[in-house]
Amino acid sequence: MKKVAILQSNYIPWKGYFDIIAAVDEFILFDEMQYTVNDWRNRNRIKTPNGLQWLTVPVLTKGRYGQKISEAEIKSSANWAKDHWKAICLNYSRAPYFKFVSERLEPYYNTADHSHVSQLNRKLIDFACEALSITTKITDSRDYVLAEGKTERIVDLCLQAGANEYISGPAAKSYLDEQLFEQRGIKLTWFDYNDYPEYPQLWGTFEHSVSIIDLLFNCGHDARRYLKHTR
């Protein structure tokens, strides 16, 4: 039984994103979708003494309506990498595993040679998977032939990948045609993002919906314990 999940890349995603990666045998990054502004593709949140703070990677969008996520370029003149790293250090320097994690994470910000947000996201996703000891195979939708139609495209990707089961986030219930999966012999399972355990976290009331780096800085080697899947 081969399980597959398909999602767009996000910037330093939250723990649920990595939990669904850990739950499958192959995770397909689907960045051939239209880029959407004010979304998770180029931003995420960290926790601070003053509440949640957005870290946003500036992307070129003017005159580029309809561009794909894979085509979205990062503004080369912006100092976003320096600003993000400064914010990360300011708010996590007191975390138990700050030194251990920051030594491995800092190069992704100090080199700042990322031209496209999709490229940046993939590097940081790989970084977090390694830190969490997640060994799931990660591929790119561009490695496959893409069919037309929302559900048809997903079903066809599953067939090309040799999947018997497709794990989907619950938000897709509004548009996926479950019968098409059944007709092609693919089990459709809805992923449950509820009931994550809390972990030791800085700055007051616990917040689940923050970047994975929050979990890594606070829990280090034990971070995997706070996911629900162990592949």
Protein backbone atom coordinates (compact mmCIF):
# COMPACT_ATOMS: atom_id res chain seq x y z
CA MET A 1 0.00 0.00 0.00
CA LYS A 2 1.61 3.24 -1.15
CA LYS A 3 0.36 6.50 0.35
CA VAL A 4 0.79 9.84 -1.42
CA ALA A 5 0.03 13.44 -0.44
CA ILE A 6 0.11 16.47 -2.76
CA LEU A 7 0.42 20.06 -1.52
CA GLN A 8 1.74 23.43 -2.61
CA SER A 9 4.99 24.53 -1.01
CA ASN A 10 4.75 26.89 1.97
CA TYR A 11 7.34 29.13 3.61
CA ILE A 12 8.66 27.50 6.84
CA PRO A 13 5.31 25.65 7.28
CA TRP A 14 3.62 24.73 10.55
CA LYS A 15 4.00 21.28 12.16
CA GLY A 16 0.84 19.87 10.53
CA TYR A 17 2.45 20.25 7.11
CA PHE A 18 5.35 18.04 8.20
CA ASP A 19 3.01 15.61 9.91
CA ILE A 20 1.24 14.90 6.61
CA ILE A 21 4.65 14.45 4.95
CA ALA A 22 5.55 11.91 7.63
CA ALA A 23 2.25 10.08 7.09
CA VAL A 24 2.93 9.16 3.45
CA ASP A 25 5.45 7.30 1.29
CA GLU A 26 5.74 10.07 -1.31
CA PHE A 27 5.01 13.77 -0.95
CA ILE A 28 4.51 15.69 -4.20
CA LEU A 29 5.09 19.44 -4.17
CA PHE A 30 2.52 20.91 -6.51
CA ASP A 31 3.80 24.38 -7.35
CA GLU A 32 2.30 24.42 -10.84
CA MET A 33 -0.80 26.00 -9.27
CA GLN A 34 -1.57 29.72 -9.53
CA TYR A 35 0.30 31.85 -7.03
CA THR A 36 -2.03 33.51 -4.51
CA VAL A 37 -1.14 36.64 -2.56
CA ASN A 38 -1.55 36.91 1.22
CA ASP A 39 -1.25 33.15 1.51
CA TRP A 40 1.15 30.65 3.10
CA ARG A 41 3.34 30.36 -0.03
CA ASN A 42 5.58 33.25 1.01
CA ARG A 43 4.84 33.88 4.66
CA ASN A 44 4.38 32.31 8.06
CA ARG A 45 4.19 33.26 11.72
CA ILE A 46 6.52 33.07 14.68
CA LYS A 47 5.74 33.64 18.34
CA THR A 48 6.98 36.75 20.15
CA PRO A 49 6.46 38.38 23.57
CA ASN A 50 3.94 40.67 21.84
CA GLY A 51 1.96 37.95 20.09
CA LEU A 52 2.26 36.38 16.64
CA GLN A 53 4.47 38.05 14.04
CA TRP A 54 4.34 37.49 10.28
CA LEU A 55 7.55 36.82 8.37
CA THR A 56 6.85 37.59 4.71
CA VAL A 57 9.13 36.94 1.74
CA PRO A 58 8.58 39.77 -0.80
CA VAL A 59 7.46 38.40 -4.17
CA LEU A 60 7.14 40.15 -7.53
CA THR A 61 3.43 40.23 -8.41
CA LYS A 62 2.79 43.48 -10.33
CA GLY A 63 1.81 42.66 -13.89
CA ARG A 64 2.17 38.93 -13.16
CA TYR A 65 -1.42 37.94 -12.45
CA GLY A 66 -1.90 34.25 -13.11
CA GLN A 67 1.73 33.28 -12.56
CA LYS A 68 2.39 29.85 -11.10
CA ILE A 69 3.92 29.37 -7.67
CA SER A 70 7.00 27.94 -9.39
CA GLU A 71 7.31 31.15 -11.42
CA ALA A 72 7.01 33.60 -8.51
CA GLU A 73 10.27 35.51 -8.12
CA ILE A 74 11.62 36.98 -4.89
CA LYS A 75 12.39 40.71 -4.96
CA SER A 76 16.17 40.79 -5.22
CA SER A 77 16.51 44.31 -3.81
CA ALA A 78 14.74 43.52 -0.52
CA ASN A 79 16.53 42.79 2.77
CA TRP A 80 13.96 40.20 3.78
CA ALA A 81 16.49 37.46 4.66
CA LYS A 82 18.42 39.73 7.01
CA ASP A 83 15.19 40.99 8.61
CA HIS A 84 13.76 37.49 9.03
CA TRP A 85 16.92 36.18 10.64
CA LYS A 86 17.06 39.15 12.98
CA ALA A 87 13.45 38.52 14.06
CA ILE A 88 14.12 34.80 14.53
CA CYS A 89 17.17 35.46 16.71
CA LEU A 90 15.43 38.17 18.72
CA ASN A 91 12.48 35.96 19.61
CA TYR A 92 14.09 32.52 19.96
CA SER A 93 17.53 33.21 21.44
CA ARG A 94 16.21 32.07 24.84
CA ALA A 95 14.85 28.77 23.48
CA PRO A 96 16.61 25.63 24.78
CA TYR A 97 17.78 24.47 21.35
CA PHE A 98 18.45 27.84 19.74
CA LYS A 99 22.19 27.34 19.26
CA PHE A 100 21.82 23.80 17.93
CA VAL A 101 19.09 24.68 15.39
CA SER A 102 20.32 28.16 14.43
CA GLU A 103 23.75 26.86 13.39
CA ARG A 104 21.99 24.72 10.78
CA LEU A 105 19.28 27.18 9.81
CA GLU A 106 21.31 30.39 9.53
CA PRO A 107 23.02 29.54 6.21
CA TYR A 108 19.65 29.53 4.44
CA TYR A 109 19.26 33.19 5.39
CA ASN A 110 22.83 34.45 5.21
CA THR A 111 23.47 33.21 1.67
CA ALA A 112 20.17 34.70 0.40
CA ASP A 113 20.75 33.37 -3.13
CA HIS A 114 17.17 32.25 -3.68
CA SER A 115 15.61 33.64 -6.85
CA HIS A 116 12.17 32.00 -6.57
CA VAL A 117 9.94 31.44 -3.57
CA SER A 118 9.30 27.83 -4.61
CA GLN A 119 13.05 27.15 -4.55
CA LEU A 120 13.41 28.74 -1.12
CA ASN A 121 10.45 26.81 0.26
CA ARG A 122 11.81 23.49 -0.95
CA LYS A 123 15.18 24.06 0.69
CA LEU A 124 13.59 24.96 4.03
CA ILE A 125 11.15 22.05 3.83
CA ASP A 126 14.09 19.69 3.26
CA PHE A 127 15.91 21.30 6.19
CA ALA A 128 12.98 20.76 8.56
CA CYS A 129 12.41 17.18 7.37
CA GLU A 130 16.02 16.37 8.13
CA ALA A 131 15.75 18.00 11.56
CA LEU A 132 12.61 15.94 12.26
CA SER A 133 14.16 12.72 10.87
CA ILE A 134 11.42 12.47 8.23
CA THR A 135 12.64 10.30 5.36
CA THR A 136 9.59 10.48 3.07
CA LYS A 137 10.43 10.79 -0.63
CA ILE A 138 9.68 14.35 -1.83
CA THR A 139 9.11 14.92 -5.54
CA ASP A 140 7.97 17.77 -7.78
CA SER A 141 4.75 17.80 -9.83
CA ARG A 142 6.87 18.92 -12.79
CA ASP A 143 8.34 15.40 -12.79
CA TYR A 144 4.90 14.12 -13.86
CA VAL A 145 2.41 14.72 -16.67
CA LEU A 146 -0.35 17.01 -15.41
CA ALA A 147 -3.92 16.25 -16.47
CA GLU A 148 -6.77 18.76 -16.73
CA GLY A 149 -9.40 19.14 -13.99
CA LYS A 150 -8.88 19.57 -10.24
CA THR A 151 -9.76 16.06 -9.15
CA GLU A 152 -8.65 14.42 -12.39
CA ARG A 153 -5.18 15.95 -12.02
CA ILE A 154 -4.77 14.64 -8.46
CA VAL A 155 -6.07 11.17 -9.36
CA ASP A 156 -3.74 10.99 -12.35
CA LEU A 157 -0.74 12.06 -10.26
CA CYS A 158 -1.56 9.30 -7.78
CA LEU A 159 -1.74 6.73 -10.58
CA GLN A 160 1.57 7.89 -12.05
CA ALA A 161 3.19 7.66 -8.61
CA GLY A 162 1.77 4.17 -8.07
CA ALA A 163 -0.35 5.22 -5.10
CA ASN A 164 -3.11 3.10 -3.60
CA GLU A 165 -4.12 5.78 -1.09
CA TYR A 166 -4.28 9.56 -1.31
CA ILE A 167 -4.00 11.57 1.93
CA SER A 168 -5.64 14.97 1.59
CA GLY A 169 -6.02 17.97 3.83
CA PRO A 170 -9.63 18.55 4.96
CA ALA A 171 -9.93 21.86 3.07
CA ALA A 172 -10.08 19.90 -0.22
CA LYS A 173 -13.46 18.40 0.74
CA SER A 174 -15.06 21.43 -0.89
CA TYR A 175 -13.83 20.59 -4.39
CA LEU A 176 -12.51 17.02 -4.70
CA ASP A 177 -14.83 14.47 -6.33
CA GLU A 178 -14.50 11.41 -4.12
CA GLN A 179 -16.13 9.13 -6.70
CA LEU A 180 -13.27 9.64 -9.15
CA PHE A 181 -10.84 8.21 -6.62
CA GLU A 182 -13.11 5.23 -5.98
CA GLN A 183 -13.51 4.58 -9.71
CA ARG A 184 -9.72 4.40 -10.15
CA GLY A 185 -9.20 2.18 -7.11
CA ILE A 186 -7.55 4.82 -4.92
CA LYS A 187 -8.53 5.15 -1.28
CA LEU A 188 -9.14 8.76 -0.27
CA THR A 189 -8.29 9.61 3.35
CA TRP A 190 -8.86 12.99 4.99
CA PHE A 191 -5.99 14.07 7.20
CA ASP A 192 -6.84 15.18 10.75
CA TYR A 193 -4.96 18.23 12.00
CA ASN A 194 -6.62 18.16 15.43
CA ASP A 195 -5.41 17.03 18.85
CA TYR A 196 -1.74 17.88 18.62
CA PRO A 197 -0.05 17.81 22.03
CA GLU A 198 1.31 21.06 23.41
CA TYR A 199 5.05 21.39 23.90
CA PRO A 200 7.19 23.71 26.05
CA GLN A 201 6.89 27.07 24.29
CA LEU A 202 8.11 30.59 24.99
CA TRP A 203 5.94 33.66 25.46
CA GLY A 204 2.67 32.92 27.23
CA THR A 205 -0.43 31.15 25.94
CA PHE A 206 0.34 28.18 23.73
CA GLU A 207 -0.07 28.65 19.98
CA HIS A 208 -0.29 25.70 17.57
CA SER A 209 -0.46 27.70 14.33
CA VAL A 210 3.14 28.87 14.08
CA SER A 211 6.09 27.90 11.91
CA ILE A 212 7.86 24.58 12.46
CA ILE A 213 10.94 26.50 13.62
CA ASP A 214 9.08 27.25 16.86
CA LEU A 215 8.89 23.53 17.62
CA LEU A 216 12.49 22.93 16.58
CA PHE A 217 13.92 25.76 18.69
CA ASN A 218 11.93 24.74 21.75
CA CYS A 219 12.24 20.95 21.56
CA GLY A 220 15.26 20.11 19.43
CA HIS A 221 15.83 16.34 19.22
CA ASP A 222 12.45 15.70 20.89
CA ALA A 223 10.47 17.71 18.31
CA ARG A 224 9.29 14.59 16.47
CA ARG A 225 7.43 13.47 19.59
CA TYR A 226 4.95 16.29 19.06
CA LEU A 227 3.86 15.08 15.64
CA LYS A 228 1.31 12.30 15.30
CA HIS A 229 3.11 10.24 12.64
CA THR A 230 6.50 8.59 12.87
CA ARG A 231 7.43 7.44 9.34
